[in-house]
Each structure stands twice: as C-alpha cells, then as structure tokens.
PDB file of N, CA and C in Angstrom:
ATOM      1  N   MET A   1       1.016  -1.341  -0.364  1.00  0.00           N
ATOM      2  CA  MET A   1       0.032  -0.057  -0.060  1.00  0.00           C
ATOM      3  C   MET A   1       0.787   1.411  -0.220  1.00  0.00           C
ATOM      4  N   ASN A   2       1.016   2.156  -1.112  1.00  0.00           N
ATOM      5  CA  ASN A   2       1.198   3.589  -0.858  1.00  0.00           C
ATOM      6  C   ASN A   2       0.472   4.222   0.420  1.00  0.00           C
ATOM      7  N   TRP A   3       1.311   4.738   1.348  1.00  0.00           N
ATOM      8  CA  TRP A   3       1.334   5.502   2.124  1.00  0.00           C
ATOM      9  C   TRP A   3       1.629   6.982   2.353  1.00  0.00           C
ATOM     10  N   THR A   4       2.178   7.232   0.823  1.00  0.00           N
ATOM     11  CA  THR A   4       2.169   8.841   0.764  1.00  0.00           C
ATOM     12  C   THR A   4       1.367   9.787   0.441  1.00  0.00           C
ATOM     13  N   ASN A   5      -0.003   9.238  -0.430  1.00  0.00           N
ATOM     14  CA  ASN A   5      -0.849  10.274  -0.433  1.00  0.00           C
ATOM     15  C   ASN A   5      -1.436  10.633   1.181  1.00  0.00           C
ATOM     16  N   PRO A   6      -2.040   9.528   1.677  1.00  0.00           N
ATOM     17  CA  PRO A   6      -2.647   9.283   2.953  1.00  0.00           C
ATOM     18  C   PRO A   6      -1.676  10.609   4.228  1.00  0.00           C
ATOM     19  N   MET A   7      -0.480   9.977   3.847  1.00  0.00           N
ATOM     20  CA  MET A   7       0.662  10.883   5.267  1.00  0.00           C
ATOM     21  C   MET A   7       0.782  12.312   4.848  1.00  0.00           C
ATOM     22  N   ARG A   8       0.812  12.717   3.309  1.00  0.00           N
ATOM     23  CA  ARG A   8       0.403  14.083   3.125  1.00  0.00           C
ATOM     24  C   ARG A   8      -0.809  14.920   3.569  1.00  0.00           C
ATOM     25  N   GLN A   9      -2.232  14.183   3.248  1.00  0.00           N
ATOM     26  CA  GLN A   9      -3.230  14.703   3.836  1.00  0.00           C
ATOM     27  C   GLN A   9      -3.018  14.600   5.589  1.00  0.00           C
ATOM     28  N   GLY A  10      -2.497  13.926   6.184  1.00  0.00           N
ATOM     29  CA  GLY A  10      -2.821  14.141   7.507  1.00  0.00           C
ATOM     30  C   GLY A  10      -1.715  14.928   8.128  1.00  0.00           C
ATOM     31  N   HIS A  11      -0.758  15.325   7.204  1.00  0.00           N
ATOM     32  CA  HIS A  11       0.784  16.044   7.466  1.00  0.00           C
ATOM     33  C   HIS A  11      -0.597  17.663   7.849  1.00  0.00           C
ATOM     34  N   ARG A  12      -1.185  17.781   6.504  1.00  0.00           N
ATOM     35  CA  ARG A  12      -1.932  19.073   6.165  1.00  0.00           C
ATOM     36  C   ARG A  12      -3.075  19.178   6.932  1.00  0.00           C
ATOM     37  N   TRP A  13      -3.804  18.263   7.553  1.00  0.00           N
ATOM     38  CA  TRP A  13      -4.768  18.804   8.591  1.00  0.00           C
ATOM     39  C   TRP A  13      -4.050  19.089  10.195  1.00  0.00           C
ATOM     40  N   LEU A  14      -3.055  18.469  10.109  1.00  0.00           N
ATOM     41  CA  LEU A  14      -2.436  17.979  11.267  1.00  0.00           C
ATOM     42  C   LEU A  14      -1.495  19.786  11.748  1.00  0.00           C
ATOM     43  N   SER A  15      -1.437  20.704  10.470  1.00  0.00           N
ATOM     44  CA  SER A  15      -1.030  21.635  10.585  1.00  0.00           C
ATOM     45  C   SER A  15      -1.926  22.515  10.750  1.00  0.00           C
ATOM     46  N   ILE A  16      -3.334  22.363  10.383  1.00  0.00           N
ATOM     47  CA  ILE A  16      -4.414  22.757  10.603  1.00  0.00           C
ATOM     48  C   ILE A  16      -5.234  22.835  11.982  1.00  0.00           C
ATOM     49  N   VAL A  17      -4.936  21.900  12.705  1.00  0.00           N
ATOM     50  CA  VAL A  17      -4.968  21.557  14.001  1.00  0.00           C
ATOM     51  C   VAL A  17      -3.981  22.116  14.437  1.00  0.00           C
ATOM     52  N   PHE A  18      -3.105  22.151  14.297  1.00  0.00           N
ATOM     53  CA  PHE A  18      -1.793  22.824  15.301  1.00  0.00           C
ATOM     54  C   PHE A  18      -1.911  24.275  15.292  1.00  0.00           C
ATOM     55  N   THR A  19      -2.070  24.692  14.209  1.00  0.00           N
ATOM     56  CA  THR A  19      -2.809  26.472  14.108  1.00  0.00           C
ATOM     57  C   THR A  19      -3.492  26.794  14.988  1.00  0.00           C
ATOM     58  N   ALA A  20      -4.813  26.114  14.970  1.00  0.00           N
ATOM     59  CA  ALA A  20      -5.970  26.253  15.792  1.00  0.00           C
ATOM     60  C   ALA A  20      -5.769  26.279  17.192  1.00  0.00           C
ATOM     61  N   THR A  21      -5.117  25.283  17.767  1.00  0.00           N
ATOM     62  CA  THR A  21      -4.563  25.541  19.205  1.00  0.00           C
ATOM     63  C   THR A  21      -3.461  26.730  19.378  1.00  0.00           C
ATOM     64  N   VAL A  22      -2.785  26.847  18.731  1.00  0.00           N
ATOM     65  CA  VAL A  22      -1.725  27.995  19.045  1.00  0.00           C
ATOM     66  C   VAL A  22      -2.521  29.114  18.903  1.00  0.00           C
ATOM     67  N   VAL A  23      -3.713  29.187  17.974  1.00  0.00           N
ATOM     68  CA  VAL A  23      -4.430  30.700  17.979  1.00  0.00           C
ATOM     69  C   VAL A  23      -5.247  31.013  19.476  1.00  0.00           C
ATOM     70  N   LEU A  24      -5.857  29.591  19.772  1.00  0.00           N
ATOM     71  CA  LEU A  24      -6.671  29.381  21.120  1.00  0.00           C
ATOM     72  C   LEU A  24      -5.792  29.983  22.387  1.00  0.00           C
ATOM     73  N   ASN A  25      -4.360  29.313  21.919  1.00  0.00           N
ATOM     74  CA  ASN A  25      -3.723  29.633  23.241  1.00  0.00           C
ATOM     75  C   ASN A  25      -3.169  31.162  23.251  1.00  0.00           C
ATOM     76  N   PHE A  26      -3.406  31.901  22.293  1.00  0.00           N
ATOM     77  CA  PHE A  26      -3.009  32.782  22.204  1.00  0.00           C
ATOM     78  C   PHE A  26      -4.553  33.654  22.660  1.00  0.00           C
ATOM     79  N   ALA A  27      -5.434  33.197  22.133  1.00  0.00           N
ATOM     80  CA  ALA A  27      -6.938  33.993  22.572  1.00  0.00           C
ATOM     81  C   ALA A  27      -6.870  34.068  23.967  1.00  0.00           C
ATOM     82  N   VAL A  28      -6.419  32.823  24.876  1.00  0.00           N
ATOM     83  CA  VAL A  28      -7.171  32.121  26.181  1.00  0.00           C
ATOM     84  C   VAL A  28      -5.937  33.455  27.023  1.00  0.00           C
ATOM     85  N   ARG A  29      -5.107  33.537  26.127  1.00  0.00           N
ATOM     86  CA  ARG A  29      -3.989  34.424  27.213  1.00  0.00           C
ATOM     87  C   ARG A  29      -4.430  35.711  26.962  1.00  0.00           C
ATOM     88  N   ALA A  30      -4.830  35.788  26.275  1.00  0.00           N
ATOM     89  CA  ALA A  30      -5.480  37.584  25.475  1.00  0.00           C
ATOM     90  C   ALA A  30      -6.474  38.179  26.298  1.00  0.00           C
ATOM     91  N   ILE A  31      -7.711  37.062  26.562  1.00  0.00           N
ATOM     92  CA  ILE A  31      -9.083  37.368  27.349  1.00  0.00           C
ATOM     93  C   ILE A  31      -8.825  37.217  28.767  1.00  0.00           C
ATOM     94  N   ALA A  32      -8.065  36.258  29.299  1.00  0.00           N
ATOM     95  CA  ALA A  32      -8.245  35.792  30.686  1.00  0.00           C
ATOM     96  C   ALA A  32      -7.450  35.988  31.215  1.00  0.00           C
ATOM     97  N   PRO A  33      -7.342  36.514  32.210  1.00  0.00           N
ATOM     98  CA  PRO A  33      -6.829  37.312  33.243  1.00  0.00           C
ATOM     99  C   PRO A  33      -5.699  36.068  34.027  1.00  0.00           C
ATOM    100  N   GLY A  34      -4.333  36.275  34.491  1.00  0.00           N
ATOM    101  CA  GLY A  34      -3.958  35.008  34.998  1.00  0.00           C
ATOM    102  C   GLY A  34      -3.067  34.153  34.178  1.00  0.00           C
ATOM    103  N   GLU A  35      -2.755  33.002  34.465  1.00  0.00           N
ATOM    104  CA  GLU A  35      -2.063  31.886  33.740  1.00  0.00           C
ATOM    105  C   GLU A  35      -3.277  30.623  33.314  1.00  0.00           C
ATOM    106  N   PRO A  36      -3.457  30.798  32.086  1.00  0.00           N
ATOM    107  CA  PRO A  36      -4.255  29.649  31.989  1.00  0.00           C
ATOM    108  C   PRO A  36      -4.074  28.148  32.463  1.00  0.00           C
ATOM    109  N   SER A  37      -4.880  27.313  32.129  1.00  0.00           N
ATOM    110  CA  SER A  37      -4.498  25.954  32.582  1.00  0.00           C
ATOM    111  C   SER A  37      -3.909  25.639  31.612  1.00  0.00           C
ATOM    112  N   PRO A  38      -2.780  23.989  32.405  1.00  0.00           N
ATOM    113  CA  PRO A  38      -1.893  23.582  31.573  1.00  0.00           C
ATOM    114  C   PRO A  38      -2.176  22.840  30.228  1.00  0.00           C
ATOM    115  N   TRP A  39      -3.928  22.456  30.163  1.00  0.00           N
ATOM    116  CA  TRP A  39      -4.011  21.317  28.950  1.00  0.00           C
ATOM    117  C   TRP A  39      -4.204  22.813  27.573  1.00  0.00           C
ATOM    118  N   ILE A  40      -4.529  23.781  28.323  1.00  0.00           N
ATOM    119  CA  ILE A  40      -4.537  25.231  26.867  1.00  0.00           C
ATOM    120  C   ILE A  40      -2.857  25.593  26.587  1.00  0.00           C
ATOM    121  N   THR A  41      -2.436  25.543  27.876  1.00  0.00           N
ATOM    122  CA  THR A  41      -1.000  25.888  27.176  1.00  0.00           C
ATOM    123  C   THR A  41      -0.269  24.640  26.657  1.00  0.00           C
ATOM    124  N   TYR A  42      -0.703  23.715  26.557  1.00  0.00           N
ATOM    125  CA  TYR A  42       0.112  22.261  26.127  1.00  0.00           C
ATOM    126  C   TYR A  42      -0.570  21.597  25.098  1.00  0.00           C
ATOM    127  N   ALA A  43      -1.251  22.084  24.555  1.00  0.00           N
ATOM    128  CA  ALA A  43      -2.538  21.782  23.825  1.00  0.00           C
ATOM    129  C   ALA A  43      -1.748  21.534  22.240  1.00  0.00           C
ATOM    130  N   PRO A  44      -1.103  22.345  22.132  1.00  0.00           N
ATOM    131  CA  PRO A  44      -0.217  22.488  20.409  1.00  0.00           C
ATOM    132  C   PRO A  44       0.767  21.143  20.277  1.00  0.00           C
ATOM    133  N   LEU A  45       1.608  20.873  21.684  1.00  0.00           N
ATOM    134  CA  LEU A  45       2.676  19.834  21.136  1.00  0.00           C
ATOM    135  C   LEU A  45       2.157  18.375  21.021  1.00  0.00           C
ATOM    136  N   PRO A  46       1.069  17.861  20.970  1.00  0.00           N
ATOM    137  CA  PRO A  46       0.539  16.528  20.295  1.00  0.00           C
ATOM    138  C   PRO A  46       0.631  16.590  18.918  1.00  0.00           C
ATOM    139  N   PRO A  47      -0.371  17.932  18.470  1.00  0.00           N
ATOM    140  CA  PRO A  47      -0.051  17.639  16.804  1.00  0.00           C
ATOM    141  C   PRO A  47       1.500  18.362  16.400  1.00  0.00           C
ATOM    142  N   LEU A  48       1.786  18.974  16.909  1.00  0.00           N
ATOM    143  CA  LEU A  48       3.248  19.323  16.589  1.00  0.00           C
ATOM    144  C   LEU A  48       4.037  18.094  16.582  1.00  0.00           C
ATOM    145  N   PHE A  49       4.171  17.184  17.452  1.00  0.00           N
ATOM    146  CA  PHE A  49       4.736  15.988  17.336  1.00  0.00           C
ATOM    147  C   PHE A  49       4.377  15.095  16.254  1.00  0.00           C
ATOM    148  N   LEU A  50       2.960  15.028  16.026  1.00  0.00           N
ATOM    149  CA  LEU A  50       2.853  14.166  15.098  1.00  0.00           C
ATOM    150  C   LEU A  50       3.377  14.402  13.950  1.00  0.00           C
ATOM    151  N   GLN A  51       3.260  16.091  13.864  1.00  0.00           N
ATOM    152  CA  GLN A  51       3.619  16.788  12.270  1.00  0.00           C
ATOM    153  C   GLN A  51       5.273  16.499  12.342  1.00  0.00           C
ATOM    154  N   LEU A  52       5.837  17.022  13.380  1.00  0.00           N
ATOM    155  CA  LEU A  52       7.206  16.425  13.313  1.00  0.00           C
ATOM    156  C   LEU A  52       7.961  14.972  13.035  1.00  0.00           C
ATOM    157  N   LEU A  53       6.754  13.828  13.245  1.00  0.00           N
ATOM    158  CA  LEU A  53       7.244  12.257  12.394  1.00  0.00           C
ATOM    159  C   LEU A  53       6.414  12.391  10.942  1.00  0.00           C
ATOM    160  N   SER A  54       5.312  13.034  11.075  1.00  0.00           N
ATOM    161  CA  SER A  54       4.647  12.347   9.570  1.00  0.00           C
ATOM    162  C   SER A  54       5.728  13.778   8.299  1.00  0.00           C
ATOM    163  N   GLY A  55       6.684  14.668   8.723  1.00  0.00           N
ATOM    164  CA  GLY A  55       7.205  15.847   8.211  1.00  0.00           C
ATOM    165  C   GLY A  55       8.664  14.926   7.903  1.00  0.00           C
ATOM    166  N   LEU A  56       9.037  14.542   9.064  1.00  0.00           N
ATOM    167  CA  LEU A  56      10.253  13.361   8.968  1.00  0.00           C
ATOM    168  C   LEU A  56      10.426  12.649   7.722  1.00  0.00           C
ATOM    169  N   TYR A  57       8.987  11.858   8.171  1.00  0.00           N
ATOM    170  CA  TYR A  57       8.903  10.800   6.699  1.00  0.00           C
ATOM    171  C   TYR A  57       8.781  11.306   5.560  1.00  0.00           C
ATOM    172  N   LEU A  58       8.156  12.422   5.477  1.00  0.00           N
ATOM    173  CA  LEU A  58       7.752  12.853   3.853  1.00  0.00           C
ATOM    174  C   LEU A  58       9.178  13.286   3.060  1.00  0.00           C
ATOM    175  N   PHE A  59      10.382  13.893   4.238  1.00  0.00           N
ATOM    176  CA  PHE A  59      11.619  14.576   3.949  1.00  0.00           C
ATOM    177  C   PHE A  59      12.128  13.258   3.293  1.00  0.00           C
ATOM    178  N   ALA A  60      12.372  12.041   3.947  1.00  0.00           N
ATOM    179  CA  ALA A  60      12.874  10.963   3.672  1.00  0.00           C
ATOM    180  C   ALA A  60      12.410  10.579   2.390  1.00  0.00           C
ATOM    181  N   LEU A  61      11.370  10.907   1.916  1.00  0.00           N
ATOM    182  CA  LEU A  61      10.559   9.535   0.980  1.00  0.00           C
ATOM    183  C   LEU A  61      11.526   9.856  -0.291  1.00  0.00           C
ATOM    184  N   PRO A  62      12.215  10.614  -0.330  1.00  0.00           N
ATOM    185  CA  PRO A  62      12.538  11.028  -2.001  1.00  0.00           C
ATOM    186  C   PRO A  62      14.238  10.543  -2.468  1.00  0.00           C
ATOM    187  N   TYR A  63      15.012  10.330  -0.183  1.00  0.00           N
ATOM    188  CA  TYR A  63      16.160   9.990   0.074  1.00  0.00           C
ATOM    189  C   TYR A  63      16.148   8.217  -0.727  1.00  0.00           C
ATOM    190  N   LEU A  64      14.773   7.444   0.317  1.00  0.00           N
ATOM    191  CA  LEU A  64      13.991   6.305   0.240  1.00  0.00           C
ATOM    192  C   LEU A  64      14.458   6.181  -0.884  1.00  0.00           C
ATOM    193  N   GLY A  65      13.511   6.448  -1.579  1.00  0.00           N
ATOM    194  CA  GLY A  65      13.042   6.087  -3.066  1.00  0.00           C
ATOM    195  C   GLY A  65      14.012   5.810  -3.971  1.00  0.00           C
ATOM    196  N   LYS A  66      15.268   6.510  -3.976  1.00  0.00           N
ATOM    197  CA  LYS A  66      16.236   6.325  -5.128  1.00  0.00           C
ATOM    198  C   LYS A  66      17.043   4.671  -4.387  1.00  0.00           C
ATOM    199  N   ARG A  67      16.654   4.309  -3.426  1.00  0.00           N
ATOM    200  CA  ARG A  67      17.096   2.914  -2.949  1.00  0.00           C
ATOM    201  C   ARG A  67      16.213   1.768  -4.080  1.00  0.00           C
ATOM    202  N   ARG A  68      15.568   2.073  -3.954  1.00  0.00           N
ATOM    203  CA  ARG A  68      14.587   1.092  -4.558  1.00  0.00           C
ATOM    204  C   ARG A  68      14.621   0.866  -6.099  1.00  0.00           C
ATOM    205  N   GLY A  69      15.440   1.867  -6.735  1.00  0.00           N
ATOM    206  CA  GLY A  69      15.090   1.780  -8.364  1.00  0.00           C
ATOM    207  C   GLY A  69      14.360   2.203  -8.993  1.00  0.00           C
ATOM    208  N   PRO A  70      14.757   1.997 -10.506  1.00  0.00           N
ATOM    209  CA  PRO A  70      14.133   3.143 -11.103  1.00  0.00           C
ATOM    210  C   PRO A  70      12.507   2.610 -11.686  1.00  0.00           C
ATOM    211  N   SER A  71      12.400   0.974 -11.069  1.00  0.00           N
ATOM    212  CA  SER A  71      10.752   0.655 -11.214  1.00  0.00           C
ATOM    213  C   SER A  71       9.950   0.970 -10.318  1.00  0.00           C
ATOM    214  N   HIS A  72      10.084   1.819  -9.192  1.00  0.00           N
ATOM    215  CA  HIS A  72       9.248   1.977  -8.359  1.00  0.00           C
ATOM    216  C   HIS A  72       9.082   3.806  -8.497  1.00  0.00           C
ATOM    217  N   ALA A  73       8.834   4.370  -9.991  1.00  0.00           N
ATOM    218  CA  ALA A  73       8.857   5.621  -9.865  1.00  0.00           C
ATOM    219  C   ALA A  73       7.949   6.190  -9.383  1.00  0.00           C
TER     220      ALA A  73
END
C-alpha cells in the first residue's frame, strides 16, 4: 500500500489543528486574566509532535525512493 498520499493529507490536517491550537492559546491568554490551565498551554504539543514524525517521513521519501531502483517511479 502506498502511504504517501494519506501521509501528506494527514500532515496538512495536522498543520490546521496545530494552527488552531496556537490561536486558541493566544486568545485565551489575551482574554483571561492570570495563568491559563496547563491543558491549554500544552495543547499544541501533540499535533506538533505528530507533524514532526510525518514531516520527517515525507522528507526522507525521496532519499528512500532512490534505493528502490527505477521500477518504483
């Protein structure tokens, strides 16, 4: 099975989720007085970690494809 297209689509959706959590984090800090709860502060980290993994996979694809030979173009 070819994982490239679903991985690219997942990476794109993760970037949307990450951006939304960062915007939420800034909005909560601007509106609410004091320190926000930790789950709001650390909410961007899980999608960021998943983006790191999927991004590294997508980055390595061209280099891994060269090892397979010309039949897998």
